[in-house]
Amino acid sequence: MSLGEIISAVDRLSPEEWRQLREYMERREAKITHSKELHAGTVDMDTLMQALAEISAGLSDEEFAEIECAMNEEYIEPMNEDE
């Protein structure tokens, strides 16, 4: 199903179905946001910061912002190992 088809389907929802979808999306967003949180002991921040400095060396602020934007424009769900 394409995004356009999903949008068309959403446009046909009743007010109650719209409320249920909104609640689902809010729960989904909270789950995604929570899964992106860093937890103590899971990342060596010094190594990460050093790598970021090396990656950005020689780039203008505009170039780095463009790369950052491209990296963040699409979120892909990790594969479910149970499938």
PDB file of N, CA and C in Angstrom:
ATOM      1  N   MET A   1       0.857  -1.173   0.000  1.00  0.00           N
ATOM      2  CA  MET A   1       0.000   0.000   0.000  1.00  0.00           C
ATOM      3  C   MET A   1       0.899   1.231   0.000  1.00  0.00           C
ATOM      4  N   SER A   2       0.611   2.143  -0.886  1.00  0.00           N
ATOM      5  CA  SER A   2       1.406   3.372  -0.981  1.00  0.00           C
ATOM      6  C   SER A   2       0.949   4.376   0.072  1.00  0.00           C
ATOM      7  N   LEU A   3       1.781   5.372   0.296  1.00  0.00           N
ATOM      8  CA  LEU A   3       1.421   6.428   1.241  1.00  0.00           C
ATOM      9  C   LEU A   3       0.163   7.147   0.785  1.00  0.00           C
ATOM     10  N   GLY A   4       0.038   7.383  -0.515  1.00  0.00           N
ATOM     11  CA  GLY A   4      -1.157   8.040  -1.038  1.00  0.00           C
ATOM     12  C   GLY A   4      -2.418   7.245  -0.736  1.00  0.00           C
ATOM     13  N   GLU A   5      -2.333   5.919  -0.852  1.00  0.00           N
ATOM     14  CA  GLU A   5      -3.477   5.063  -0.554  1.00  0.00           C
ATOM     15  C   GLU A   5      -3.827   5.116   0.932  1.00  0.00           C
ATOM     16  N   ILE A   6      -2.796   5.169   1.761  1.00  0.00           N
ATOM     17  CA  ILE A   6      -3.021   5.259   3.211  1.00  0.00           C
ATOM     18  C   ILE A   6      -3.712   6.583   3.539  1.00  0.00           C
ATOM     19  N   ILE A   7      -3.228   7.658   2.951  1.00  0.00           N
ATOM     20  CA  ILE A   7      -3.825   8.974   3.198  1.00  0.00           C
ATOM     21  C   ILE A   7      -5.283   8.987   2.747  1.00  0.00           C
ATOM     22  N   SER A   8      -5.560   8.409   1.588  1.00  0.00           N
ATOM     23  CA  SER A   8      -6.949   8.339   1.104  1.00  0.00           C
ATOM     24  C   SER A   8      -7.817   7.552   2.070  1.00  0.00           C
ATOM     25  N   ALA A   9      -7.285   6.445   2.594  1.00  0.00           N
ATOM     26  CA  ALA A   9      -8.043   5.632   3.546  1.00  0.00           C
ATOM     27  C   ALA A   9      -8.291   6.418   4.835  1.00  0.00           C
ATOM     28  N   VAL A  10      -7.296   7.155   5.297  1.00  0.00           N
ATOM     29  CA  VAL A  10      -7.448   7.960   6.514  1.00  0.00           C
ATOM     30  C   VAL A  10      -8.523   9.020   6.309  1.00  0.00           C
ATOM     31  N   ASP A  11      -8.569   9.601   5.119  1.00  0.00           N
ATOM     32  CA  ASP A  11      -9.576  10.628   4.830  1.00  0.00           C
ATOM     33  C   ASP A  11     -11.001  10.083   4.913  1.00  0.00           C
ATOM     34  N   ARG A  12     -11.164   8.775   4.775  1.00  0.00           N
ATOM     35  CA  ARG A  12     -12.500   8.175   4.816  1.00  0.00           C
ATOM     36  C   ARG A  12     -12.903   7.695   6.211  1.00  0.00           C
ATOM     37  N   LEU A  13     -12.035   7.871   7.212  1.00  0.00           N
ATOM     38  CA  LEU A  13     -12.338   7.389   8.560  1.00  0.00           C
ATOM     39  C   LEU A  13     -13.445   8.205   9.217  1.00  0.00           C
ATOM     40  N   SER A  14     -14.210   7.517  10.053  1.00  0.00           N
ATOM     41  CA  SER A  14     -15.210   8.206  10.873  1.00  0.00           C
ATOM     42  C   SER A  14     -14.477   8.943  12.000  1.00  0.00           C
ATOM     43  N   PRO A  15     -15.159   9.852  12.684  1.00  0.00           N
ATOM     44  CA  PRO A  15     -14.503  10.543  13.806  1.00  0.00           C
ATOM     45  C   PRO A  15     -13.979   9.565  14.865  1.00  0.00           C
ATOM     46  N   GLU A  16     -14.721   8.509  15.158  1.00  0.00           N
ATOM     47  CA  GLU A  16     -14.265   7.529  16.157  1.00  0.00           C
ATOM     48  C   GLU A  16     -13.040   6.769  15.647  1.00  0.00           C
ATOM     49  N   GLU A  17     -13.040   6.375  14.394  1.00  0.00           N
ATOM     50  CA  GLU A  17     -11.883   5.678  13.823  1.00  0.00           C
ATOM     51  C   GLU A  17     -10.672   6.607  13.793  1.00  0.00           C
ATOM     52  N   TRP A  18     -10.896   7.882  13.490  1.00  0.00           N
ATOM     53  CA  TRP A  18      -9.812   8.873  13.489  1.00  0.00           C
ATOM     54  C   TRP A  18      -9.201   8.986  14.886  1.00  0.00           C
ATOM     55  N   ARG A  19     -10.057   9.025  15.917  1.00  0.00           N
ATOM     56  CA  ARG A  19      -9.566   9.098  17.302  1.00  0.00           C
ATOM     57  C   ARG A  19      -8.723   7.872  17.626  1.00  0.00           C
ATOM     58  N   GLN A  20      -9.199   6.693  17.229  1.00  0.00           N
ATOM     59  CA  GLN A  20      -8.453   5.458  17.499  1.00  0.00           C
ATOM     60  C   GLN A  20      -7.114   5.457  16.764  1.00  0.00           C
ATOM     61  N   LEU A  21      -7.106   5.915  15.525  1.00  0.00           N
ATOM     62  CA  LEU A  21      -5.856   5.987  14.761  1.00  0.00           C
ATOM     63  C   LEU A  21      -4.891   6.968  15.409  1.00  0.00           C
ATOM     64  N   ARG A  22      -5.397   8.134  15.829  1.00  0.00           N
ATOM     65  CA  ARG A  22      -4.536   9.127  16.482  1.00  0.00           C
ATOM     66  C   ARG A  22      -3.911   8.547  17.748  1.00  0.00           C
ATOM     67  N   GLU A  23      -4.701   7.836  18.554  1.00  0.00           N
ATOM     68  CA  GLU A  23      -4.166   7.214  19.766  1.00  0.00           C
ATOM     69  C   GLU A  23      -3.104   6.175  19.424  1.00  0.00           C
ATOM     70  N   TYR A  24      -3.367   5.392  18.380  1.00  0.00           N
ATOM     71  CA  TYR A  24      -2.387   4.399  17.942  1.00  0.00           C
ATOM     72  C   TYR A  24      -1.086   5.081  17.517  1.00  0.00           C
ATOM     73  N   MET A  25      -1.201   6.145  16.714  1.00  0.00           N
ATOM     74  CA  MET A  25      -0.015   6.845  16.234  1.00  0.00           C
ATOM     75  C   MET A  25       0.777   7.469  17.385  1.00  0.00           C
ATOM     76  N   GLU A  26       0.079   7.998  18.381  1.00  0.00           N
ATOM     77  CA  GLU A  26       0.767   8.563  19.542  1.00  0.00           C
ATOM     78  C   GLU A  26       1.517   7.478  20.307  1.00  0.00           C
ATOM     79  N   ARG A  27       0.892   6.313  20.480  1.00  0.00           N
ATOM     80  CA  ARG A  27       1.587   5.197  21.152  1.00  0.00           C
ATOM     81  C   ARG A  27       2.790   4.742  20.339  1.00  0.00           C
ATOM     82  N   ARG A  28       2.616   4.682  19.033  1.00  0.00           N
ATOM     83  CA  ARG A  28       3.686   4.249  18.127  1.00  0.00           C
ATOM     84  C   ARG A  28       4.852   5.228  18.176  1.00  0.00           C
ATOM     85  N   GLU A  29       4.539   6.522  18.145  1.00  0.00           N
ATOM     86  CA  GLU A  29       5.583   7.540  18.209  1.00  0.00           C
ATOM     87  C   GLU A  29       6.341   7.460  19.530  1.00  0.00           C
ATOM     88  N   ALA A  30       5.609   7.252  20.621  1.00  0.00           N
ATOM     89  CA  ALA A  30       6.258   7.137  21.930  1.00  0.00           C
ATOM     90  C   ALA A  30       7.186   5.928  21.958  1.00  0.00           C
ATOM     91  N   LYS A  31       6.764   4.842  21.346  1.00  0.00           N
ATOM     92  CA  LYS A  31       7.588   3.627  21.305  1.00  0.00           C
ATOM     93  C   LYS A  31       8.858   3.876  20.500  1.00  0.00           C
ATOM     94  N   ILE A  32       8.722   4.533  19.346  1.00  0.00           N
ATOM     95  CA  ILE A  32       9.887   4.825  18.508  1.00  0.00           C
ATOM     96  C   ILE A  32      10.823   5.772  19.236  1.00  0.00           C
ATOM     97  N   THR A  33      10.276   6.816  19.834  1.00  0.00           N
ATOM     98  CA  THR A  33      11.092   7.778  20.566  1.00  0.00           C
ATOM     99  C   THR A  33      11.833   7.101  21.704  1.00  0.00           C
ATOM    100  N   HIS A  34      11.140   6.247  22.440  1.00  0.00           N
ATOM    101  CA  HIS A  34      11.763   5.548  23.568  1.00  0.00           C
ATOM    102  C   HIS A  34      12.874   4.620  23.093  1.00  0.00           C
ATOM    103  N   SER A  35      12.687   3.960  21.948  1.00  0.00           N
ATOM    104  CA  SER A  35      13.684   3.019  21.470  1.00  0.00           C
ATOM    105  C   SER A  35      14.960   3.719  21.024  1.00  0.00           C
ATOM    106  N   LYS A  36      14.889   5.039  20.740  1.00  0.00           N
ATOM    107  CA  LYS A  36      16.057   5.787  20.298  1.00  0.00           C
ATOM    108  C   LYS A  36      16.834   6.393  21.460  1.00  0.00           C
ATOM    109  N   GLU A  37      16.308   6.279  22.674  1.00  0.00           N
ATOM    110  CA  GLU A  37      16.990   6.869  23.821  1.00  0.00           C
ATOM    111  C   GLU A  37      18.281   6.106  24.111  1.00  0.00           C
ATOM    112  N   LEU A  38      19.303   6.843  24.476  1.00  0.00           N
ATOM    113  CA  LEU A  38      20.552   6.218  24.868  1.00  0.00           C
ATOM    114  C   LEU A  38      20.488   5.850  26.342  1.00  0.00           C
ATOM    115  N   HIS A  39      20.978   4.689  26.651  1.00  0.00           N
ATOM    116  CA  HIS A  39      21.003   4.234  28.031  1.00  0.00           C
ATOM    117  C   HIS A  39      22.453   4.097  28.474  1.00  0.00           C
ATOM    118  N   ALA A  40      22.701   4.430  29.718  1.00  0.00           N
ATOM    119  CA  ALA A  40      24.050   4.356  30.261  1.00  0.00           C
ATOM    120  C   ALA A  40      24.641   2.981  30.003  1.00  0.00           C
ATOM    121  N   GLY A  41      25.883   2.975  29.548  1.00  0.00           N
ATOM    122  CA  GLY A  41      26.577   1.717  29.327  1.00  0.00           C
ATOM    123  C   GLY A  41      26.362   1.122  27.950  1.00  0.00           C
ATOM    124  N   THR A  42      25.520   1.729  27.111  1.00  0.00           N
ATOM    125  CA  THR A  42      25.269   1.148  25.795  1.00  0.00           C
ATOM    126  C   THR A  42      26.083   1.803  24.694  1.00  0.00           C
ATOM    127  N   VAL A  43      26.651   2.974  24.965  1.00  0.00           N
ATOM    128  CA  VAL A  43      27.419   3.688  23.954  1.00  0.00           C
ATOM    129  C   VAL A  43      28.640   4.306  24.620  1.00  0.00           C
ATOM    130  N   ASP A  44      29.783   4.145  23.989  1.00  0.00           N
ATOM    131  CA  ASP A  44      30.992   4.817  24.469  1.00  0.00           C
ATOM    132  C   ASP A  44      30.963   6.220  23.863  1.00  0.00           C
ATOM    133  N   MET A  45      30.481   7.175  24.634  1.00  0.00           N
ATOM    134  CA  MET A  45      30.262   8.527  24.118  1.00  0.00           C
ATOM    135  C   MET A  45      31.562   9.193  23.668  1.00  0.00           C
ATOM    136  N   ASP A  46      32.667   8.925  24.340  1.00  0.00           N
ATOM    137  CA  ASP A  46      33.936   9.527  23.912  1.00  0.00           C
ATOM    138  C   ASP A  46      34.304   9.055  22.512  1.00  0.00           C
ATOM    139  N   THR A  47      34.159   7.765  22.260  1.00  0.00           N
ATOM    140  CA  THR A  47      34.467   7.208  20.942  1.00  0.00           C
ATOM    141  C   THR A  47      33.501   7.754  19.896  1.00  0.00           C
ATOM    142  N   LEU A  48      32.225   7.834  20.257  1.00  0.00           N
ATOM    143  CA  LEU A  48      31.230   8.375  19.331  1.00  0.00           C
ATOM    144  C   LEU A  48      31.545   9.819  18.975  1.00  0.00           C
ATOM    145  N   MET A  49      31.848  10.641  19.958  1.00  0.00           N
ATOM    146  CA  MET A  49      32.140  12.048  19.704  1.00  0.00           C
ATOM    147  C   MET A  49      33.403  12.199  18.861  1.00  0.00           C
ATOM    148  N   GLN A  50      34.404  11.369  19.093  1.00  0.00           N
ATOM    149  CA  GLN A  50      35.629  11.408  18.294  1.00  0.00           C
ATOM    150  C   GLN A  50      35.320  11.036  16.840  1.00  0.00           C
ATOM    151  N   ALA A  51      34.510  10.010  16.646  1.00  0.00           N
ATOM    152  CA  ALA A  51      34.135   9.599  15.289  1.00  0.00           C
ATOM    153  C   ALA A  51      33.365  10.705  14.581  1.00  0.00           C
ATOM    154  N   LEU A  52      32.444  11.353  15.281  1.00  0.00           N
ATOM    155  CA  LEU A  52      31.688  12.451  14.678  1.00  0.00           C
ATOM    156  C   LEU A  52      32.598  13.610  14.292  1.00  0.00           C
ATOM    157  N   ALA A  53      33.591  13.894  15.136  1.00  0.00           N
ATOM    158  CA  ALA A  53      34.536  14.971  14.821  1.00  0.00           C
ATOM    159  C   ALA A  53      35.335  14.630  13.566  1.00  0.00           C
ATOM    160  N   GLU A  54      35.744  13.358  13.440  1.00  0.00           N
ATOM    161  CA  GLU A  54      36.501  12.935  12.262  1.00  0.00           C
ATOM    162  C   GLU A  54      35.636  12.989  11.000  1.00  0.00           C
ATOM    163  N   ILE A  55      34.386  12.581  11.126  1.00  0.00           N
ATOM    164  CA  ILE A  55      33.476  12.587   9.985  1.00  0.00           C
ATOM    165  C   ILE A  55      33.222  14.017   9.511  1.00  0.00           C
ATOM    166  N   SER A  56      33.055  14.926  10.444  1.00  0.00           N
ATOM    167  CA  SER A  56      32.693  16.300  10.081  1.00  0.00           C
ATOM    168  C   SER A  56      33.892  17.181   9.762  1.00  0.00           C
ATOM    169  N   ALA A  57      35.098  16.691   9.987  1.00  0.00           N
ATOM    170  CA  ALA A  57      36.285  17.500   9.717  1.00  0.00           C
ATOM    171  C   ALA A  57      36.322  17.892   8.243  1.00  0.00           C
ATOM    172  N   GLY A  58      36.509  19.173   7.995  1.00  0.00           N
ATOM    173  CA  GLY A  58      36.607  19.655   6.627  1.00  0.00           C
ATOM    174  C   GLY A  58      35.269  19.988   5.984  1.00  0.00           C
ATOM    175  N   LEU A  59      34.170  19.698   6.654  1.00  0.00           N
ATOM    176  CA  LEU A  59      32.857  20.028   6.122  1.00  0.00           C
ATOM    177  C   LEU A  59      32.410  21.387   6.644  1.00  0.00           C
ATOM    178  N   SER A  60      31.744  22.126   5.788  1.00  0.00           N
ATOM    179  CA  SER A  60      31.145  23.376   6.263  1.00  0.00           C
ATOM    180  C   SER A  60      29.919  23.020   7.102  1.00  0.00           C
ATOM    181  N   ASP A  61      29.426  23.984   7.867  1.00  0.00           N
ATOM    182  CA  ASP A  61      28.215  23.756   8.654  1.00  0.00           C
ATOM    183  C   ASP A  61      27.047  23.363   7.750  1.00  0.00           C
ATOM    184  N   GLU A  62      26.972  23.996   6.585  1.00  0.00           N
ATOM    185  CA  GLU A  62      25.886  23.702   5.643  1.00  0.00           C
ATOM    186  C   GLU A  62      25.990  22.275   5.112  1.00  0.00           C
ATOM    187  N   GLU A  63      27.209  21.838   4.782  1.00  0.00           N
ATOM    188  CA  GLU A  63      27.394  20.471   4.276  1.00  0.00           C
ATOM    189  C   GLU A  63      27.039  19.443   5.352  1.00  0.00           C
ATOM    190  N   PHE A  64      27.482  19.699   6.572  1.00  0.00           N
ATOM    191  CA  PHE A  64      27.180  18.767   7.658  1.00  0.00           C
ATOM    192  C   PHE A  64      25.678  18.730   7.927  1.00  0.00           C
ATOM    193  N   ALA A  65      25.015  19.892   7.885  1.00  0.00           N
ATOM    194  CA  ALA A  65      23.570  19.944   8.102  1.00  0.00           C
ATOM    195  C   ALA A  65      22.831  19.163   7.015  1.00  0.00           C
ATOM    196  N   GLU A  66      23.318  19.251   5.770  1.00  0.00           N
ATOM    197  CA  GLU A  66      22.700  18.518   4.668  1.00  0.00           C
ATOM    198  C   GLU A  66      22.836  17.011   4.876  1.00  0.00           C
ATOM    199  N   ILE A  67      23.995  16.565   5.312  1.00  0.00           N
ATOM    200  CA  ILE A  67      24.209  15.142   5.590  1.00  0.00           C
ATOM    201  C   ILE A  67      23.326  14.688   6.739  1.00  0.00           C
ATOM    202  N   GLU A  68      23.273  15.487   7.794  1.00  0.00           N
ATOM    203  CA  GLU A  68      22.448  15.145   8.955  1.00  0.00           C
ATOM    204  C   GLU A  68      20.977  15.031   8.551  1.00  0.00           C
ATOM    205  N   CYS A  69      20.517  15.959   7.746  1.00  0.00           N
ATOM    206  CA  CYS A  69      19.127  15.939   7.285  1.00  0.00           C
ATOM    207  C   CYS A  69      18.854  14.670   6.484  1.00  0.00           C
ATOM    208  N   ALA A  70      19.755  14.306   5.581  1.00  0.00           N
ATOM    209  CA  ALA A  70      19.571  13.103   4.764  1.00  0.00           C
ATOM    210  C   ALA A  70      19.533  11.847   5.638  1.00  0.00           C
ATOM    211  N   MET A  71      20.342  11.824   6.680  1.00  0.00           N
ATOM    212  CA  MET A  71      20.379  10.652   7.570  1.00  0.00           C
ATOM    213  C   MET A  71      19.095  10.526   8.385  1.00  0.00           C
ATOM    214  N   ASN A  72      18.419  11.632   8.616  1.00  0.00           N
ATOM    215  CA  ASN A  72      17.244  11.618   9.478  1.00  0.00           C
ATOM    216  C   ASN A  72      15.922  11.655   8.721  1.00  0.00           C
ATOM    217  N   GLU A  73      15.946  11.664   7.398  1.00  0.00           N
ATOM    218  CA  GLU A  73      14.691  11.869   6.689  1.00  0.00           C
ATOM    219  C   GLU A  73      13.815  10.632   6.621  1.00  0.00           C
ATOM    220  N   GLU A  74      14.357   9.431   6.798  1.00  0.00           N
ATOM    221  CA  GLU A  74      13.517   8.237   6.778  1.00  0.00           C
ATOM    222  C   GLU A  74      13.938   7.308   7.896  1.00  0.00           C
ATOM    223  N   TYR A  75      12.964   6.898   8.697  1.00  0.00           N
ATOM    224  CA  TYR A  75      13.211   5.937   9.771  1.00  0.00           C
ATOM    225  C   TYR A  75      12.790   4.569   9.271  1.00  0.00           C
ATOM    226  N   ILE A  76      13.672   3.591   9.379  1.00  0.00           N
ATOM    227  CA  ILE A  76      13.374   2.235   8.937  1.00  0.00           C
ATOM    228  C   ILE A  76      13.336   1.339  10.168  1.00  0.00           C
ATOM    229  N   GLU A  77      12.237   0.621  10.311  1.00  0.00           N
ATOM    230  CA  GLU A  77      12.085  -0.288  11.445  1.00  0.00           C
ATOM    231  C   GLU A  77      13.122  -1.405  11.355  1.00  0.00           C
ATOM    232  N   PRO A  78      13.713  -1.797  12.479  1.00  0.00           N
ATOM    233  CA  PRO A  78      14.623  -2.945  12.450  1.00  0.00           C
ATOM    234  C   PRO A  78      13.857  -4.210  12.110  1.00  0.00           C
ATOM    235  N   MET A  79      14.532  -5.161  11.512  1.00  0.00           N
ATOM    236  CA  MET A  79      13.891  -6.424  11.164  1.00  0.00           C
ATOM    237  C   MET A  79      13.508  -7.166  12.430  1.00  0.00           C
ATOM    238  N   ASN A  80      12.349  -7.798  12.392  1.00  0.00           N
ATOM    239  CA  ASN A  80      11.893  -8.615  13.507  1.00  0.00           C
ATOM    240  C   ASN A  80      12.527  -9.989  13.346  1.00  0.00           C
ATOM    241  N   GLU A  81      13.346 -10.396  14.308  1.00  0.00           N
ATOM    242  CA  GLU A  81      14.039 -11.667  14.216  1.00  0.00           C
ATOM    243  C   GLU A  81      13.091 -12.866  14.301  1.00  0.00           C
ATOM    244  N   ASP A  82      11.850 -12.654  14.754  1.00  0.00           N
ATOM    245  CA  ASP A  82      10.898 -13.738  14.876  1.00  0.00           C
ATOM    246  C   ASP A  82      10.266 -14.096  13.538  1.00  0.00           C
ATOM    247  N   GLU A  83      10.374 -13.231  12.553  1.00  0.00           N
ATOM    248  CA  GLU A  83       9.742 -13.462  11.251  1.00  0.00           C
ATOM    249  C   GLU A  83      10.642 -14.221  10.333  1.00  0.00           C
TER     250      GLU A  83
END
